[in-house]
Amino acid sequence: MQRRIRNTSGSRTALPLRVKNDEYPRKTRTARRRRFSKRAVIIAIIISSILTLVGFIVVWESVVSFFGSSTSSLTNSLQTGATHNDGGSRHLDRSKFYEQRPLDRFSELQYALEHSKLVLLYFAASWCPMSTPISDALDEAFGKGDVLLTRNGQKKTLSIVYVSSDKTLEEYTEYTRKRHWLPIPFESPEKNQLKRHFATCAHRELEELQFDRKHEIPTGIVIESRTQGIITTNGADDVEELGA
């Protein structure tokens, strides 16, 4: 909106009127509600994916336990190997199955990888408005249960490793102190190394880190601990796809 006033020369000059927060056009308010709905959908998808994976692992363990003898026989036959036409024996070297484990070089991840079946790498920040609802949703889904790994040494199904983009140690500490996460230490060089490895960071960090970013924050990357393979990734591309 604009209003016009007369200046000393007699001509009219347009001046902007200040619009209060509750006077925005209805279209603007509607667009904001739509964006909020899309964010809620993203959060629901992330939580549902993790819960589905956790449920699958629990069911799979039950099946393996029930058919334990059959599983043992299959494992023994794999170790023994198949017989060649010339009478020789072909053995499977199981050590080669997992020889390429790209996350072994990150010492800060080893506790989570060794004590949980799934690792959620959570790239986020306390100052990021999109991170807060996802963090709260993770707390609601896993914060009160016995599924989430803590530092007590007891193995669990899932661990959440927080890879911070917080600006200060105080922000980092306040954001993580009441949560059952396994945060990468604020001063650890592995924090930025993980960001480079997964090409994920906040926009404000790009100048410092100098890499081609694939995902912005918040992003959750679910890792299968034994193989260290990526099960699912959620980032900026998912938001754009759902919003299309």
C-alpha atoms as a PDB file:
ATOM      1  CA  MET A   1       0.000   0.000   0.000  1.00  0.00           C
ATOM      2  CA  GLN A   2       1.077   3.550  -0.634  1.00  0.00           C
ATOM      3  CA  ARG A   3      -0.144   6.984   0.291  1.00  0.00           C
ATOM      4  CA  ARG A   4       0.594  10.255  -1.467  1.00  0.00           C
ATOM      5  CA  ILE A   5       1.579  13.547   0.170  1.00  0.00           C
ATOM      6  CA  ARG A   6       2.292  16.938  -1.321  1.00  0.00           C
ATOM      7  CA  ASN A   7       5.855  18.205  -1.211  1.00  0.00           C
ATOM      8  CA  THR A   8       6.944  21.832  -1.233  1.00  0.00           C
ATOM      9  CA  SER A   9       6.823  22.031  -5.038  1.00  0.00           C
ATOM     10  CA  GLY A  10       3.175  21.032  -5.096  1.00  0.00           C
ATOM     11  CA  SER A  11       3.713  17.589  -6.668  1.00  0.00           C
ATOM     12  CA  ARG A  12       2.683  14.379  -4.959  1.00  0.00           C
ATOM     13  CA  THR A  13       5.197  11.855  -3.634  1.00  0.00           C
ATOM     14  CA  ALA A  14       4.311   8.219  -2.935  1.00  0.00           C
ATOM     15  CA  LEU A  15       5.302   6.961   0.503  1.00  0.00           C
ATOM     16  CA  PRO A  16       4.975   3.329   1.658  1.00  0.00           C
ATOM     17  CA  LEU A  17       2.570   2.548   4.452  1.00  0.00           C
ATOM     18  CA  ARG A  18       3.761   0.197   7.191  1.00  0.00           C
ATOM     19  CA  VAL A  19       1.677  -2.953   7.239  1.00  0.00           C
ATOM     20  CA  LYS A  20       1.139  -4.722  10.530  1.00  0.00           C
ATOM     21  CA  ASN A  21       1.583  -8.476  10.862  1.00  0.00           C
ATOM     22  CA  ASP A  22      -2.153  -9.104  11.092  1.00  0.00           C
ATOM     23  CA  GLU A  23      -2.860  -7.067   7.933  1.00  0.00           C
ATOM     24  CA  TYR A  24      -1.084  -9.270   5.380  1.00  0.00           C
ATOM     25  CA  PRO A  25      -3.237 -10.266   2.420  1.00  0.00           C
ATOM     26  CA  ARG A  26      -5.163 -13.487   2.702  1.00  0.00           C
ATOM     27  CA  LYS A  27      -3.129 -15.053  -0.112  1.00  0.00           C
ATOM     28  CA  THR A  28       0.087 -14.636   1.879  1.00  0.00           C
ATOM     29  CA  ARG A  29      -1.406 -16.309   4.934  1.00  0.00           C
ATOM     30  CA  THR A  30      -2.714 -19.156   2.789  1.00  0.00           C
ATOM     31  CA  ALA A  31       0.719 -19.688   1.209  1.00  0.00           C
ATOM     32  CA  ARG A  32       2.328 -19.858   4.651  1.00  0.00           C
ATOM     33  CA  ARG A  33      -0.180 -22.458   5.798  1.00  0.00           C
ATOM     34  CA  ARG A  34       0.576 -24.536   2.714  1.00  0.00           C
ATOM     35  CA  ARG A  35       4.334 -24.380   3.369  1.00  0.00           C
ATOM     36  CA  PHE A  36       3.759 -25.436   6.973  1.00  0.00           C
ATOM     37  CA  SER A  37       1.654 -28.381   5.773  1.00  0.00           C
ATOM     38  CA  LYS A  38       4.480 -29.505   3.474  1.00  0.00           C
ATOM     39  CA  ARG A  39       6.921 -29.390   6.384  1.00  0.00           C
ATOM     40  CA  ALA A  40       4.558 -31.508   8.462  1.00  0.00           C
ATOM     41  CA  VAL A  41       4.432 -34.067   5.646  1.00  0.00           C
ATOM     42  CA  ILE A  42       8.243 -34.220   5.518  1.00  0.00           C
ATOM     43  CA  ILE A  43       8.458 -34.794   9.262  1.00  0.00           C
ATOM     44  CA  ALA A  44       5.822 -37.523   9.105  1.00  0.00           C
ATOM     45  CA  ILE A  45       7.677 -39.302   6.286  1.00  0.00           C
ATOM     46  CA  ILE A  46      10.984 -39.260   8.183  1.00  0.00           C
ATOM     47  CA  ILE A  47       9.444 -40.648  11.374  1.00  0.00           C
ATOM     48  CA  SER A  48       7.384 -43.257   9.510  1.00  0.00           C
ATOM     49  CA  SER A  49      10.450 -44.473   7.582  1.00  0.00           C
ATOM     50  CA  ILE A  50      12.484 -44.948  10.745  1.00  0.00           C
ATOM     51  CA  LEU A  51       9.642 -46.684  12.584  1.00  0.00           C
ATOM     52  CA  THR A  52       9.124 -49.015   9.614  1.00  0.00           C
ATOM     53  CA  LEU A  53      12.823 -49.929   9.557  1.00  0.00           C
ATOM     54  CA  VAL A  54      12.870 -50.560  13.301  1.00  0.00           C
ATOM     55  CA  GLY A  55       9.764 -52.743  13.038  1.00  0.00           C
ATOM     56  CA  PHE A  56      11.263 -54.716  10.153  1.00  0.00           C
ATOM     57  CA  ILE A  57      14.410 -55.458  12.140  1.00  0.00           C
ATOM     58  CA  VAL A  58      12.398 -56.651  15.149  1.00  0.00           C
ATOM     59  CA  VAL A  59      10.323 -58.991  12.952  1.00  0.00           C
ATOM     60  CA  TRP A  60      13.424 -60.245  11.147  1.00  0.00           C
ATOM     61  CA  GLU A  61      15.155 -61.094  14.433  1.00  0.00           C
ATOM     62  CA  SER A  62      12.093 -63.054  15.513  1.00  0.00           C
ATOM     63  CA  VAL A  63      12.111 -65.040  12.265  1.00  0.00           C
ATOM     64  CA  VAL A  64      15.833 -65.774  12.536  1.00  0.00           C
ATOM     65  CA  SER A  65      15.399 -66.877  16.133  1.00  0.00           C
ATOM     66  CA  PHE A  66      12.491 -69.190  15.215  1.00  0.00           C
ATOM     67  CA  PHE A  67      14.342 -70.790  12.330  1.00  0.00           C
ATOM     68  CA  GLY A  68      17.696 -70.781  14.092  1.00  0.00           C
ATOM     69  CA  SER A  69      18.663 -74.305  13.158  1.00  0.00           C
ATOM     70  CA  SER A  70      17.957 -73.741   9.463  1.00  0.00           C
ATOM     71  CA  THR A  71      19.922 -70.496   9.493  1.00  0.00           C
ATOM     72  CA  SER A  72      22.862 -72.238  11.142  1.00  0.00           C
ATOM     73  CA  SER A  73      22.844 -74.986   8.520  1.00  0.00           C
ATOM     74  CA  LEU A  74      22.780 -72.449   5.717  1.00  0.00           C
ATOM     75  CA  THR A  75      25.701 -70.557   7.243  1.00  0.00           C
ATOM     76  CA  ASN A  76      27.722 -73.757   7.594  1.00  0.00           C
ATOM     77  CA  SER A  77      27.121 -74.716   3.980  1.00  0.00           C
ATOM     78  CA  LEU A  78      28.216 -71.255   2.834  1.00  0.00           C
ATOM     79  CA  GLN A  79      31.402 -71.554   4.866  1.00  0.00           C
ATOM     80  CA  THR A  80      32.092 -75.039   3.517  1.00  0.00           C
ATOM     81  CA  GLY A  81      31.633 -73.872  -0.080  1.00  0.00           C
ATOM     82  CA  ALA A  82      30.598 -75.600  -3.280  1.00  0.00           C
ATOM     83  CA  THR A  83      32.522 -78.498  -4.848  1.00  0.00           C
ATOM     84  CA  HIS A  84      34.258 -78.013  -8.207  1.00  0.00           C
ATOM     85  CA  ASN A  85      34.131 -80.592 -11.003  1.00  0.00           C
ATOM     86  CA  ASP A  86      37.777 -81.393 -10.346  1.00  0.00           C
ATOM     87  CA  GLY A  87      37.009 -82.404  -6.765  1.00  0.00           C
ATOM     88  CA  GLY A  88      38.392 -79.215  -5.253  1.00  0.00           C
ATOM     89  CA  SER A  89      36.581 -76.996  -2.780  1.00  0.00           C
ATOM     90  CA  ARG A  90      35.559 -73.371  -3.265  1.00  0.00           C
ATOM     91  CA  HIS A  91      35.403 -71.397  -0.016  1.00  0.00           C
ATOM     92  CA  LEU A  92      33.726 -68.056   0.475  1.00  0.00           C
ATOM     93  CA  ASP A  93      35.884 -65.462   2.152  1.00  0.00           C
ATOM     94  CA  ARG A  94      33.293 -63.644   4.274  1.00  0.00           C
ATOM     95  CA  SER A  95      35.854 -61.047   5.331  1.00  0.00           C
ATOM     96  CA  LYS A  96      35.693 -59.583   1.816  1.00  0.00           C
ATOM     97  CA  PHE A  97      31.951 -58.956   2.070  1.00  0.00           C
ATOM     98  CA  TYR A  98      32.470 -55.952   4.346  1.00  0.00           C
ATOM     99  CA  GLU A  99      36.036 -54.939   3.562  1.00  0.00           C
ATOM    100  CA  GLN A 100      34.891 -51.635   2.086  1.00  0.00           C
ATOM    101  CA  ARG A 101      33.345 -49.916   5.081  1.00  0.00           C
ATOM    102  CA  PRO A 102      33.617 -46.181   4.372  1.00  0.00           C
ATOM    103  CA  LEU A 103      32.682 -45.041   7.881  1.00  0.00           C
ATOM    104  CA  ASP A 104      35.396 -46.949   9.731  1.00  0.00           C
ATOM    105  CA  ARG A 105      37.656 -43.899   9.480  1.00  0.00           C
ATOM    106  CA  PHE A 106      35.267 -41.872  11.655  1.00  0.00           C
ATOM    107  CA  SER A 107      36.146 -42.778  15.227  1.00  0.00           C
ATOM    108  CA  GLU A 108      33.242 -40.737  16.625  1.00  0.00           C
ATOM    109  CA  LEU A 109      30.775 -43.054  14.845  1.00  0.00           C
ATOM    110  CA  GLN A 110      32.198 -46.363  16.012  1.00  0.00           C
ATOM    111  CA  TYR A 111      30.225 -46.582  19.265  1.00  0.00           C
ATOM    112  CA  ALA A 112      26.929 -46.084  17.412  1.00  0.00           C
ATOM    113  CA  LEU A 113      27.888 -48.496  14.619  1.00  0.00           C
ATOM    114  CA  GLU A 114      28.948 -51.206  17.068  1.00  0.00           C
ATOM    115  CA  HIS A 115      26.012 -50.888  19.484  1.00  0.00           C
ATOM    116  CA  SER A 116      22.998 -50.262  17.212  1.00  0.00           C
ATOM    117  CA  LYS A 117      21.629 -51.861  14.072  1.00  0.00           C
ATOM    118  CA  LEU A 118      20.586 -48.573  12.497  1.00  0.00           C
ATOM    119  CA  VAL A 119      22.303 -45.196  12.749  1.00  0.00           C
ATOM    120  CA  LEU A 120      20.453 -41.995  11.950  1.00  0.00           C
ATOM    121  CA  LEU A 121      22.922 -39.253  11.034  1.00  0.00           C
ATOM    122  CA  TYR A 122      20.988 -36.102  11.818  1.00  0.00           C
ATOM    123  CA  PHE A 123      22.403 -32.956  10.210  1.00  0.00           C
ATOM    124  CA  ALA A 124      20.705 -29.977  11.836  1.00  0.00           C
ATOM    125  CA  ALA A 125      21.164 -26.797  13.909  1.00  0.00           C
ATOM    126  CA  SER A 126      19.468 -25.111  16.823  1.00  0.00           C
ATOM    127  CA  TRP A 127      19.045 -21.854  14.875  1.00  0.00           C
ATOM    128  CA  CYS A 128      17.422 -23.547  11.864  1.00  0.00           C
ATOM    129  CA  PRO A 129      13.608 -23.132  11.942  1.00  0.00           C
ATOM    130  CA  MET A 130      13.123 -26.352   9.961  1.00  0.00           C
ATOM    131  CA  SER A 131      15.267 -28.389  12.378  1.00  0.00           C
ATOM    132  CA  THR A 132      13.235 -27.690  15.504  1.00  0.00           C
ATOM    133  CA  PRO A 133       9.986 -29.470  14.516  1.00  0.00           C
ATOM    134  CA  ILE A 134      11.913 -32.499  13.255  1.00  0.00           C
ATOM    135  CA  SER A 135      13.960 -32.649  16.460  1.00  0.00           C
ATOM    136  CA  ASP A 136      10.765 -32.448  18.521  1.00  0.00           C
ATOM    137  CA  ALA A 137       9.193 -35.200  16.408  1.00  0.00           C
ATOM    138  CA  LEU A 138      12.227 -37.449  16.954  1.00  0.00           C
ATOM    139  CA  ASP A 139      11.969 -36.828  20.686  1.00  0.00           C
ATOM    140  CA  GLU A 140       8.274 -37.678  20.623  1.00  0.00           C
ATOM    141  CA  ALA A 141       8.842 -40.901  18.673  1.00  0.00           C
ATOM    142  CA  PHE A 142      12.005 -42.210  20.347  1.00  0.00           C
ATOM    143  CA  GLY A 143      12.857 -40.076  23.368  1.00  0.00           C
ATOM    144  CA  LYS A 144      10.770 -42.033  25.880  1.00  0.00           C
ATOM    145  CA  GLY A 145      11.231 -45.559  24.526  1.00  0.00           C
ATOM    146  CA  ASP A 146      13.893 -48.215  24.955  1.00  0.00           C
ATOM    147  CA  VAL A 147      14.753 -48.428  21.248  1.00  0.00           C
ATOM    148  CA  LEU A 148      17.255 -45.560  21.232  1.00  0.00           C
ATOM    149  CA  LEU A 149      20.941 -46.139  22.005  1.00  0.00           C
ATOM    150  CA  THR A 150      22.522 -44.235  24.899  1.00  0.00           C
ATOM    151  CA  ARG A 151      25.992 -44.255  26.455  1.00  0.00           C
ATOM    152  CA  ASN A 152      25.171 -47.024  28.950  1.00  0.00           C
ATOM    153  CA  GLY A 153      26.772 -49.658  26.683  1.00  0.00           C
ATOM    154  CA  GLN A 154      23.590 -51.658  26.093  1.00  0.00           C
ATOM    155  CA  LYS A 155      22.995 -52.461  22.437  1.00  0.00           C
ATOM    156  CA  LYS A 156      19.835 -51.063  20.861  1.00  0.00           C
ATOM    157  CA  THR A 157      18.085 -51.004  17.501  1.00  0.00           C
ATOM    158  CA  LEU A 158      18.556 -47.320  16.678  1.00  0.00           C
ATOM    159  CA  SER A 159      20.981 -44.514  17.468  1.00  0.00           C
ATOM    160  CA  ILE A 160      20.710 -40.838  16.550  1.00  0.00           C
ATOM    161  CA  VAL A 161      24.044 -39.149  15.847  1.00  0.00           C
ATOM    162  CA  TYR A 162      23.753 -35.366  15.765  1.00  0.00           C
ATOM    163  CA  VAL A 163      26.035 -33.607  13.266  1.00  0.00           C
ATOM    164  CA  SER A 164      25.789 -29.995  14.341  1.00  0.00           C
ATOM    165  CA  SER A 165      25.773 -26.780  12.353  1.00  0.00           C
ATOM    166  CA  ASP A 166      25.352 -24.696  15.507  1.00  0.00           C
ATOM    167  CA  LYS A 167      27.204 -21.404  15.636  1.00  0.00           C
ATOM    168  CA  THR A 168      28.534 -21.669  19.201  1.00  0.00           C
ATOM    169  CA  LEU A 169      29.312 -24.312  21.791  1.00  0.00           C
ATOM    170  CA  GLU A 170      26.616 -22.833  24.025  1.00  0.00           C
ATOM    171  CA  GLU A 171      23.956 -23.335  21.341  1.00  0.00           C
ATOM    172  CA  TYR A 172      25.175 -26.877  20.721  1.00  0.00           C
ATOM    173  CA  THR A 173      25.161 -27.782  24.415  1.00  0.00           C
ATOM    174  CA  GLU A 174      21.722 -26.337  25.077  1.00  0.00           C
ATOM    175  CA  TYR A 175      20.240 -28.114  22.061  1.00  0.00           C
ATOM    176  CA  THR A 176      21.577 -31.569  22.937  1.00  0.00           C
ATOM    177  CA  ARG A 177      21.814 -31.748  26.731  1.00  0.00           C
ATOM    178  CA  LYS A 178      18.278 -33.098  27.330  1.00  0.00           C
ATOM    179  CA  ARG A 179      18.136 -35.389  24.311  1.00  0.00           C
ATOM    180  CA  HIS A 180      19.133 -39.047  24.036  1.00  0.00           C
ATOM    181  CA  TRP A 181      21.359 -38.406  21.056  1.00  0.00           C
ATOM    182  CA  LEU A 182      25.016 -39.215  20.440  1.00  0.00           C
ATOM    183  CA  PRO A 183      26.267 -35.839  19.183  1.00  0.00           C
ATOM    184  CA  ILE A 184      29.574 -35.488  17.390  1.00  0.00           C
ATOM    185  CA  PRO A 185      31.659 -33.249  19.713  1.00  0.00           C
ATOM    186  CA  PHE A 186      31.423 -29.595  18.741  1.00  0.00           C
ATOM    187  CA  GLU A 187      35.194 -29.153  18.386  1.00  0.00           C
ATOM    188  CA  SER A 188      35.799 -32.499  16.652  1.00  0.00           C
ATOM    189  CA  PRO A 189      37.259 -32.231  13.117  1.00  0.00           C
ATOM    190  CA  GLU A 190      35.127 -35.249  12.181  1.00  0.00           C
ATOM    191  CA  LYS A 191      32.040 -33.043  12.306  1.00  0.00           C
ATOM    192  CA  ASN A 192      33.065 -31.218   9.138  1.00  0.00           C
ATOM    193  CA  GLN A 193      34.558 -34.372   7.654  1.00  0.00           C
ATOM    194  CA  LEU A 194      31.157 -36.052   7.879  1.00  0.00           C
ATOM    195  CA  LYS A 195      29.563 -33.045   6.225  1.00  0.00           C
ATOM    196  CA  ARG A 196      32.018 -33.349   3.335  1.00  0.00           C
ATOM    197  CA  HIS A 197      31.585 -37.128   3.139  1.00  0.00           C
ATOM    198  CA  PHE A 198      27.797 -36.854   2.793  1.00  0.00           C
ATOM    199  CA  ALA A 199      27.845 -33.445   1.025  1.00  0.00           C
ATOM    200  CA  THR A 200      25.447 -32.042   3.609  1.00  0.00           C
ATOM    201  CA  CYS A 201      25.659 -28.741   5.463  1.00  0.00           C
ATOM    202  CA  ALA A 202      23.990 -25.406   6.111  1.00  0.00           C
ATOM    203  CA  HIS A 203      24.198 -22.721   3.441  1.00  0.00           C
ATOM    204  CA  ARG A 204      26.228 -20.480   5.741  1.00  0.00           C
ATOM    205  CA  GLU A 205      28.961 -23.160   5.948  1.00  0.00           C
ATOM    206  CA  LEU A 206      29.556 -23.528   2.216  1.00  0.00           C
ATOM    207  CA  GLU A 207      32.210 -20.825   2.018  1.00  0.00           C
ATOM    208  CA  GLU A 208      34.210 -22.456   4.818  1.00  0.00           C
ATOM    209  CA  LEU A 209      33.790 -26.105   3.785  1.00  0.00           C
ATOM    210  CA  GLN A 210      34.184 -25.628   0.008  1.00  0.00           C
ATOM    211  CA  PHE A 211      32.313 -28.586  -1.487  1.00  0.00           C
ATOM    212  CA  ASP A 212      29.359 -29.208  -3.791  1.00  0.00           C
ATOM    213  CA  ARG A 213      26.403 -29.582  -1.468  1.00  0.00           C
ATOM    214  CA  LYS A 214      23.778 -32.249  -2.188  1.00  0.00           C
ATOM    215  CA  HIS A 215      21.607 -31.796   0.910  1.00  0.00           C
ATOM    216  CA  GLU A 216      20.848 -28.839   3.122  1.00  0.00           C
ATOM    217  CA  ILE A 217      19.858 -29.016   6.763  1.00  0.00           C
ATOM    218  CA  PRO A 218      17.880 -30.579   8.281  1.00  0.00           C
ATOM    219  CA  THR A 219      18.714 -33.941   6.701  1.00  0.00           C
ATOM    220  CA  GLY A 220      18.496 -37.445   8.148  1.00  0.00           C
ATOM    221  CA  ILE A 221      20.608 -40.243   6.659  1.00  0.00           C
ATOM    222  CA  VAL A 222      19.868 -43.768   7.889  1.00  0.00           C
ATOM    223  CA  ILE A 223      22.833 -46.167   7.884  1.00  0.00           C
ATOM    224  CA  GLU A 224      22.755 -49.958   8.267  1.00  0.00           C
ATOM    225  CA  SER A 225      25.512 -50.546  10.801  1.00  0.00           C
ATOM    226  CA  ARG A 226      26.873 -53.893   9.631  1.00  0.00           C
ATOM    227  CA  THR A 227      27.406 -52.970   5.981  1.00  0.00           C
ATOM    228  CA  GLN A 228      27.520 -49.181   6.535  1.00  0.00           C
ATOM    229  CA  GLY A 229      25.273 -48.818   3.516  1.00  0.00           C
ATOM    230  CA  ILE A 230      22.807 -45.947   3.165  1.00  0.00           C
ATOM    231  CA  ILE A 231      19.209 -47.120   3.575  1.00  0.00           C
ATOM    232  CA  THR A 232      17.470 -43.805   3.011  1.00  0.00           C
ATOM    233  CA  THR A 233      18.273 -40.121   2.663  1.00  0.00           C
ATOM    234  CA  ASN A 234      16.019 -37.136   3.311  1.00  0.00           C
ATOM    235  CA  GLY A 235      17.129 -33.661   2.259  1.00  0.00           C
ATOM    236  CA  ALA A 236      16.316 -30.556   0.266  1.00  0.00           C
ATOM    237  CA  ASP A 237      15.485 -32.585  -2.847  1.00  0.00           C
ATOM    238  CA  ASP A 238      12.686 -34.368  -0.987  1.00  0.00           C
ATOM    239  CA  VAL A 239      11.162 -31.044   0.049  1.00  0.00           C
ATOM    240  CA  GLU A 240      11.224 -29.749  -3.519  1.00  0.00           C
ATOM    241  CA  GLU A 241       9.720 -32.983  -4.878  1.00  0.00           C
ATOM    242  CA  LEU A 242       6.828 -32.966  -2.419  1.00  0.00           C
ATOM    243  CA  GLY A 243       6.205 -29.316  -3.097  1.00  0.00           C
ATOM    244  CA  ALA A 244       6.007 -29.788  -6.868  1.00  0.00           C
END
